[in-house]
PDB file of N, CA and C in Angstrom:
ATOM      1  N   MET A   1       4.459  -6.451  -2.565  1.00  0.00           N
ATOM      2  CA  MET A   1       3.929  -7.321  -1.551  1.00  0.00           C
ATOM      3  C   MET A   1       2.833  -8.176  -2.179  1.00  0.00           C
ATOM      4  N   LYS A   2       2.926  -9.468  -1.971  1.00  0.00           N
ATOM      5  CA  LYS A   2       1.974 -10.385  -2.579  1.00  0.00           C
ATOM      6  C   LYS A   2       0.742 -10.549  -1.703  1.00  0.00           C
ATOM      7  N   ASN A   3      -0.335 -11.023  -2.308  1.00  0.00           N
ATOM      8  CA  ASN A   3      -1.585 -11.198  -1.582  1.00  0.00           C
ATOM      9  C   ASN A   3      -1.449 -12.203  -0.446  1.00  0.00           C
ATOM     10  N   THR A   4      -0.640 -13.244  -0.619  1.00  0.00           N
ATOM     11  CA  THR A   4      -0.459 -14.219   0.451  1.00  0.00           C
ATOM     12  C   THR A   4       0.207 -13.575   1.667  1.00  0.00           C
ATOM     13  N   ASP A   5       1.118 -12.635   1.422  1.00  0.00           N
ATOM     14  CA  ASP A   5       1.756 -11.912   2.522  1.00  0.00           C
ATOM     15  C   ASP A   5       0.758 -10.998   3.217  1.00  0.00           C
ATOM     16  N   ILE A   6      -0.109 -10.384   2.444  1.00  0.00           N
ATOM     17  CA  ILE A   6      -1.098  -9.457   2.995  1.00  0.00           C
ATOM     18  C   ILE A   6      -2.108 -10.201   3.857  1.00  0.00           C
ATOM     19  N   VAL A   7      -2.552 -11.365   3.416  1.00  0.00           N
ATOM     20  CA  VAL A   7      -3.536 -12.147   4.165  1.00  0.00           C
ATOM     21  C   VAL A   7      -2.936 -12.626   5.482  1.00  0.00           C
ATOM     22  N   ALA A   8      -1.636 -12.868   5.503  1.00  0.00           N
ATOM     23  CA  ALA A   8      -0.974 -13.359   6.710  1.00  0.00           C
ATOM     24  C   ALA A   8      -0.829 -12.290   7.790  1.00  0.00           C
ATOM     25  N   LEU A   9      -0.967 -11.019   7.441  1.00  0.00           N
ATOM     26  CA  LEU A   9      -0.828  -9.940   8.413  1.00  0.00           C
ATOM     27  C   LEU A   9      -2.045  -9.864   9.330  1.00  0.00           C
ATOM     28  N   SER A  10      -1.811  -9.423  10.563  1.00  0.00           N
ATOM     29  CA  SER A  10      -2.938  -9.172  11.460  1.00  0.00           C
ATOM     30  C   SER A  10      -3.564  -7.830  11.076  1.00  0.00           C
ATOM     31  N   THR A  11      -4.715  -7.550  11.654  1.00  0.00           N
ATOM     32  CA  THR A  11      -5.427  -6.319  11.299  1.00  0.00           C
ATOM     33  C   THR A  11      -4.642  -5.076  11.709  1.00  0.00           C
ATOM     34  N   SER A  12      -4.023  -5.108  12.878  1.00  0.00           N
ATOM     35  CA  SER A  12      -3.238  -3.944  13.314  1.00  0.00           C
ATOM     36  C   SER A  12      -1.999  -3.758  12.436  1.00  0.00           C
ATOM     37  N   GLU A  13      -1.363  -4.867  12.051  1.00  0.00           N
ATOM     38  CA  GLU A  13      -0.220  -4.778  11.145  1.00  0.00           C
ATOM     39  C   GLU A  13      -0.654  -4.248   9.787  1.00  0.00           C
ATOM     40  N   LEU A  14      -1.843  -4.636   9.376  1.00  0.00           N
ATOM     41  CA  LEU A  14      -2.393  -4.192   8.100  1.00  0.00           C
ATOM     42  C   LEU A  14      -2.600  -2.675   8.100  1.00  0.00           C
ATOM     43  N   LEU A  15      -3.142  -2.152   9.190  1.00  0.00           N
ATOM     44  CA  LEU A  15      -3.341  -0.708   9.304  1.00  0.00           C
ATOM     45  C   LEU A  15      -2.009   0.037   9.305  1.00  0.00           C
ATOM     46  N   ASP A  16      -1.023  -0.496  10.016  1.00  0.00           N
ATOM     47  CA  ASP A  16       0.304   0.123  10.047  1.00  0.00           C
ATOM     48  C   ASP A  16       0.943   0.116   8.665  1.00  0.00           C
ATOM     49  N   LYS A  17       0.784  -0.988   7.960  1.00  0.00           N
ATOM     50  CA  LYS A  17       1.371  -1.120   6.630  1.00  0.00           C
ATOM     51  C   LYS A  17       0.710  -0.150   5.646  1.00  0.00           C
ATOM     52  N   ILE A  18      -0.593   0.066   5.777  1.00  0.00           N
ATOM     53  CA  ILE A  18      -1.292   1.014   4.907  1.00  0.00           C
ATOM     54  C   ILE A  18      -0.725   2.417   5.102  1.00  0.00           C
ATOM     55  N   VAL A  19      -0.563   2.819   6.358  1.00  0.00           N
ATOM     56  CA  VAL A  19      -0.020   4.152   6.650  1.00  0.00           C
ATOM     57  C   VAL A  19       1.393   4.274   6.090  1.00  0.00           C
ATOM     58  N   GLU A  20       2.192   3.245   6.271  1.00  0.00           N
ATOM     59  CA  GLU A  20       3.577   3.252   5.787  1.00  0.00           C
ATOM     60  C   GLU A  20       3.642   3.357   4.261  1.00  0.00           C
ATOM     61  N   GLU A  21       2.822   2.583   3.582  1.00  0.00           N
ATOM     62  CA  GLU A  21       2.828   2.582   2.120  1.00  0.00           C
ATOM     63  C   GLU A  21       2.288   3.899   1.548  1.00  0.00           C
ATOM     64  N   LYS A  22       1.280   4.478   2.202  1.00  0.00           N
ATOM     65  CA  LYS A  22       0.748   5.756   1.728  1.00  0.00           C
ATOM     66  C   LYS A  22       1.791   6.862   1.853  1.00  0.00           C
ATOM     67  N   SER A  23       2.539   6.860   2.944  1.00  0.00           N
ATOM     68  CA  SER A  23       3.582   7.881   3.095  1.00  0.00           C
ATOM     69  C   SER A  23       4.691   7.661   2.073  1.00  0.00           C
ATOM     70  N   SER A  24       5.003   6.415   1.801  1.00  0.00           N
ATOM     71  CA  SER A  24       6.001   6.097   0.780  1.00  0.00           C
ATOM     72  C   SER A  24       5.537   6.575  -0.595  1.00  0.00           C
ATOM     73  N   LEU A  25       4.263   6.382  -0.888  1.00  0.00           N
ATOM     74  CA  LEU A  25       3.702   6.820  -2.164  1.00  0.00           C
ATOM     75  C   LEU A  25       3.779   8.338  -2.296  1.00  0.00           C
ATOM     76  N   ASN A  26       3.443   9.049  -1.223  1.00  0.00           N
ATOM     77  CA  ASN A  26       3.518  10.510  -1.266  1.00  0.00           C
ATOM     78  C   ASN A  26       4.950  10.995  -1.492  1.00  0.00           C
ATOM     79  N   LYS A  27       5.914  10.354  -0.855  1.00  0.00           N
ATOM     80  CA  LYS A  27       7.317  10.730  -1.049  1.00  0.00           C
ATOM     81  C   LYS A  27       7.767  10.474  -2.481  1.00  0.00           C
ATOM     82  N   LEU A  28       7.349   9.330  -3.029  1.00  0.00           N
ATOM     83  CA  LEU A  28       7.709   9.015  -4.414  1.00  0.00           C
ATOM     84  C   LEU A  28       7.127  10.047  -5.380  1.00  0.00           C
ATOM     85  N   LYS A  29       5.863  10.414  -5.168  1.00  0.00           N
ATOM     86  CA  LYS A  29       5.227  11.399  -6.046  1.00  0.00           C
ATOM     87  C   LYS A  29       5.920  12.753  -5.960  1.00  0.00           C
ATOM     88  N   LEU A  30       6.269  13.161  -4.751  1.00  0.00           N
ATOM     89  CA  LEU A  30       6.938  14.435  -4.563  1.00  0.00           C
ATOM     90  C   LEU A  30       8.311  14.430  -5.237  1.00  0.00           C
ATOM     91  N   ASN A  31       9.061  13.371  -5.014  1.00  0.00           N
ATOM     92  CA  ASN A  31      10.381  13.271  -5.633  1.00  0.00           C
ATOM     93  C   ASN A  31      10.293  13.236  -7.155  1.00  0.00           C
ATOM     94  N   HIS A  32       9.262  12.592  -7.664  1.00  0.00           N
ATOM     95  CA  HIS A  32       9.102  12.488  -9.112  1.00  0.00           C
ATOM     96  C   HIS A  32       8.711  13.837  -9.719  1.00  0.00           C
ATOM     97  N   SER A  33       7.977  14.639  -8.970  1.00  0.00           N
ATOM     98  CA  SER A  33       7.591  15.947  -9.506  1.00  0.00           C
ATOM     99  C   SER A  33       8.774  16.912  -9.528  1.00  0.00           C
ATOM    100  N   ILE A  34       9.707  16.742  -8.614  1.00  0.00           N
ATOM    101  CA  ILE A  34      10.882  17.606  -8.569  1.00  0.00           C
ATOM    102  C   ILE A  34      11.888  17.207  -9.643  1.00  0.00           C
ATOM    103  N   SER A  35      12.232  15.941  -9.647  1.00  0.00           N
ATOM    104  CA  SER A  35      13.132  15.419 -10.680  1.00  0.00           C
ATOM    105  C   SER A  35      12.672  14.005 -11.011  1.00  0.00           C
ATOM    106  N   PRO A  36      12.700  13.632 -12.281  1.00  0.00           N
ATOM    107  CA  PRO A  36      12.187  12.317 -12.684  1.00  0.00           C
ATOM    108  C   PRO A  36      12.899  11.175 -11.952  1.00  0.00           C
ATOM    109  N   LEU A  37      12.096  10.205 -11.526  1.00  0.00           N
ATOM    110  CA  LEU A  37      12.658   9.032 -10.873  1.00  0.00           C
ATOM    111  C   LEU A  37      13.347   8.151 -11.906  1.00  0.00           C
ATOM    112  N   GLU A  38      14.305   7.378 -11.425  1.00  0.00           N
ATOM    113  CA  GLU A  38      14.983   6.448 -12.319  1.00  0.00           C
ATOM    114  C   GLU A  38      14.025   5.340 -12.752  1.00  0.00           C
ATOM    115  N   ASN A  39      13.145   4.936 -11.834  1.00  0.00           N
ATOM    116  CA  ASN A  39      12.182   3.890 -12.146  1.00  0.00           C
ATOM    117  C   ASN A  39      10.783   4.354 -11.711  1.00  0.00           C
ATOM    118  N   PRO A  40      10.047   5.038 -12.587  1.00  0.00           N
ATOM    119  CA  PRO A  40       8.729   5.556 -12.214  1.00  0.00           C
ATOM    120  C   PRO A  40       7.669   4.473 -12.018  1.00  0.00           C
ATOM    121  N   ILE A  41       7.981   3.239 -12.366  1.00  0.00           N
ATOM    122  CA  ILE A  41       7.046   2.137 -12.166  1.00  0.00           C
ATOM    123  C   ILE A  41       6.832   1.880 -10.675  1.00  0.00           C
ATOM    124  N   LYS A  42       7.760   2.326  -9.839  1.00  0.00           N
ATOM    125  CA  LYS A  42       7.625   2.168  -8.395  1.00  0.00           C
ATOM    126  C   LYS A  42       6.368   2.868  -7.883  1.00  0.00           C
ATOM    127  N   ILE A  43       6.011   3.994  -8.502  1.00  0.00           N
ATOM    128  CA  ILE A  43       4.804   4.722  -8.101  1.00  0.00           C
ATOM    129  C   ILE A  43       3.578   3.850  -8.325  1.00  0.00           C
ATOM    130  N   ARG A  44       3.491   3.243  -9.479  1.00  0.00           N
ATOM    131  CA  ARG A  44       2.347   2.387  -9.801  1.00  0.00           C
ATOM    132  C   ARG A  44       2.298   1.172  -8.890  1.00  0.00           C
ATOM    133  N   ASP A  45       3.444   0.552  -8.641  1.00  0.00           N
ATOM    134  CA  ASP A  45       3.482  -0.622  -7.780  1.00  0.00           C
ATOM    135  C   ASP A  45       3.072  -0.290  -6.351  1.00  0.00           C
ATOM    136  N   THR A  46       3.511   0.849  -5.857  1.00  0.00           N
ATOM    137  CA  THR A  46       3.155   1.261  -4.499  1.00  0.00           C
ATOM    138  C   THR A  46       1.667   1.566  -4.403  1.00  0.00           C
ATOM    139  N   ARG A  47       1.119   2.218  -5.424  1.00  0.00           N
ATOM    140  CA  ARG A  47      -0.311   2.526  -5.442  1.00  0.00           C
ATOM    141  C   ARG A  47      -1.140   1.233  -5.439  1.00  0.00           C
ATOM    142  N   LYS A  48      -0.705   0.241  -6.190  1.00  0.00           N
ATOM    143  CA  LYS A  48      -1.422  -1.034  -6.229  1.00  0.00           C
ATOM    144  C   LYS A  48      -1.312  -1.780  -4.905  1.00  0.00           C
ATOM    145  N   THR A  49      -0.170  -1.654  -4.245  1.00  0.00           N
ATOM    146  CA  THR A  49      -0.009  -2.290  -2.944  1.00  0.00           C
ATOM    147  C   THR A  49      -0.951  -1.675  -1.921  1.00  0.00           C
ATOM    148  N   VAL A  50      -1.082  -0.355  -1.951  1.00  0.00           N
ATOM    149  CA  VAL A  50      -2.016   0.322  -1.046  1.00  0.00           C
ATOM    150  C   VAL A  50      -3.434  -0.170  -1.312  1.00  0.00           C
ATOM    151  N   ALA A  51      -3.789  -0.332  -2.560  1.00  0.00           N
ATOM    152  CA  ALA A  51      -5.131  -0.808  -2.910  1.00  0.00           C
ATOM    153  C   ALA A  51      -5.351  -2.239  -2.432  1.00  0.00           C
ATOM    154  N   ARG A  52      -4.353  -3.085  -2.559  1.00  0.00           N
ATOM    155  CA  ARG A  52      -4.471  -4.467  -2.083  1.00  0.00           C
ATOM    156  C   ARG A  52      -4.667  -4.508  -0.568  1.00  0.00           C
ATOM    157  N   LEU A  53      -3.907  -3.689   0.147  1.00  0.00           N
ATOM    158  CA  LEU A  53      -4.028  -3.636   1.598  1.00  0.00           C
ATOM    159  C   LEU A  53      -5.407  -3.141   2.012  1.00  0.00           C
ATOM    160  N   ALA A  54      -5.891  -2.099   1.354  1.00  0.00           N
ATOM    161  CA  ALA A  54      -7.207  -1.552   1.676  1.00  0.00           C
ATOM    162  C   ALA A  54      -8.312  -2.556   1.363  1.00  0.00           C
ATOM    163  N   THR A  55      -8.163  -3.303   0.297  1.00  0.00           N
ATOM    164  CA  THR A  55      -9.149  -4.313  -0.072  1.00  0.00           C
ATOM    165  C   THR A  55      -9.219  -5.406   0.979  1.00  0.00           C
ATOM    166  N   GLU A  56      -8.072  -5.850   1.454  1.00  0.00           N
ATOM    167  CA  GLU A  56      -8.049  -6.884   2.489  1.00  0.00           C
ATOM    168  C   GLU A  56      -8.678  -6.370   3.783  1.00  0.00           C
ATOM    169  N   LEU A  57      -8.421  -5.121   4.124  1.00  0.00           N
ATOM    170  CA  LEU A  57      -9.006  -4.538   5.330  1.00  0.00           C
ATOM    171  C   LEU A  57     -10.526  -4.467   5.206  1.00  0.00           C
ATOM    172  N   THR A  58     -11.028  -4.056   4.051  1.00  0.00           N
ATOM    173  CA  THR A  58     -12.467  -3.995   3.814  1.00  0.00           C
ATOM    174  C   THR A  58     -13.084  -5.377   3.894  1.00  0.00           C
ATOM    175  N   LYS A  59     -12.409  -6.363   3.324  1.00  0.00           N
ATOM    176  CA  LYS A  59     -12.907  -7.738   3.346  1.00  0.00           C
ATOM    177  C   LYS A  59     -13.017  -8.233   4.780  1.00  0.00           C
ATOM    178  N   ARG A  60     -12.044  -7.918   5.605  1.00  0.00           N
ATOM    179  CA  ARG A  60     -12.082  -8.345   7.018  1.00  0.00           C
ATOM    180  C   ARG A  60     -13.188  -7.631   7.773  1.00  0.00           C
ATOM    181  N   ASN A  61     -13.391  -6.363   7.495  1.00  0.00           N
ATOM    182  CA  ASN A  61     -14.447  -5.619   8.186  1.00  0.00           C
ATOM    183  C   ASN A  61     -15.825  -6.164   7.824  1.00  0.00           C
ATOM    184  N   LYS A  62     -16.037  -6.524   6.582  1.00  0.00           N
ATOM    185  CA  LYS A  62     -17.323  -7.072   6.165  1.00  0.00           C
ATOM    186  C   LYS A  62     -17.538  -8.464   6.732  1.00  0.00           C
ATOM    187  N   ALA A  63     -16.452  -9.251   6.869  1.00  0.00           N
ATOM    188  CA  ALA A  63     -16.580 -10.604   7.391  1.00  0.00           C
ATOM    189  C   ALA A  63     -16.886 -10.596   8.884  1.00  0.00           C
ATOM    190  N   SER A  64     -16.432  -9.573   9.588  1.00  0.00           N
ATOM    191  CA  SER A  64     -16.650  -9.523  11.030  1.00  0.00           C
ATOM    192  C   SER A  64     -18.062  -9.082  11.402  1.00  0.00           C
ATOM    193  N   LYS A  65     -18.799  -8.527  10.457  1.00  0.00           N
ATOM    194  CA  LYS A  65     -20.161  -8.054  10.750  1.00  0.00           C
ATOM    195  C   LYS A  65     -21.154  -9.170  10.759  1.00  0.00           C
TER     196      LYS A  65
END
């Protein structure tokens, strides 16, 4: 997910997307620990997406104060 897509989301959509991506990350980690994933780079990409979403949420919270 690109930053332009993240900025276009509303705050409630942003919160929903964070929860969705975190659960996806946990599933990927669990599956990778049981048997190696075909593409382990997905774990890193998902982790970075969660960080981008959280950063945008923090930026919005600071701007609203």
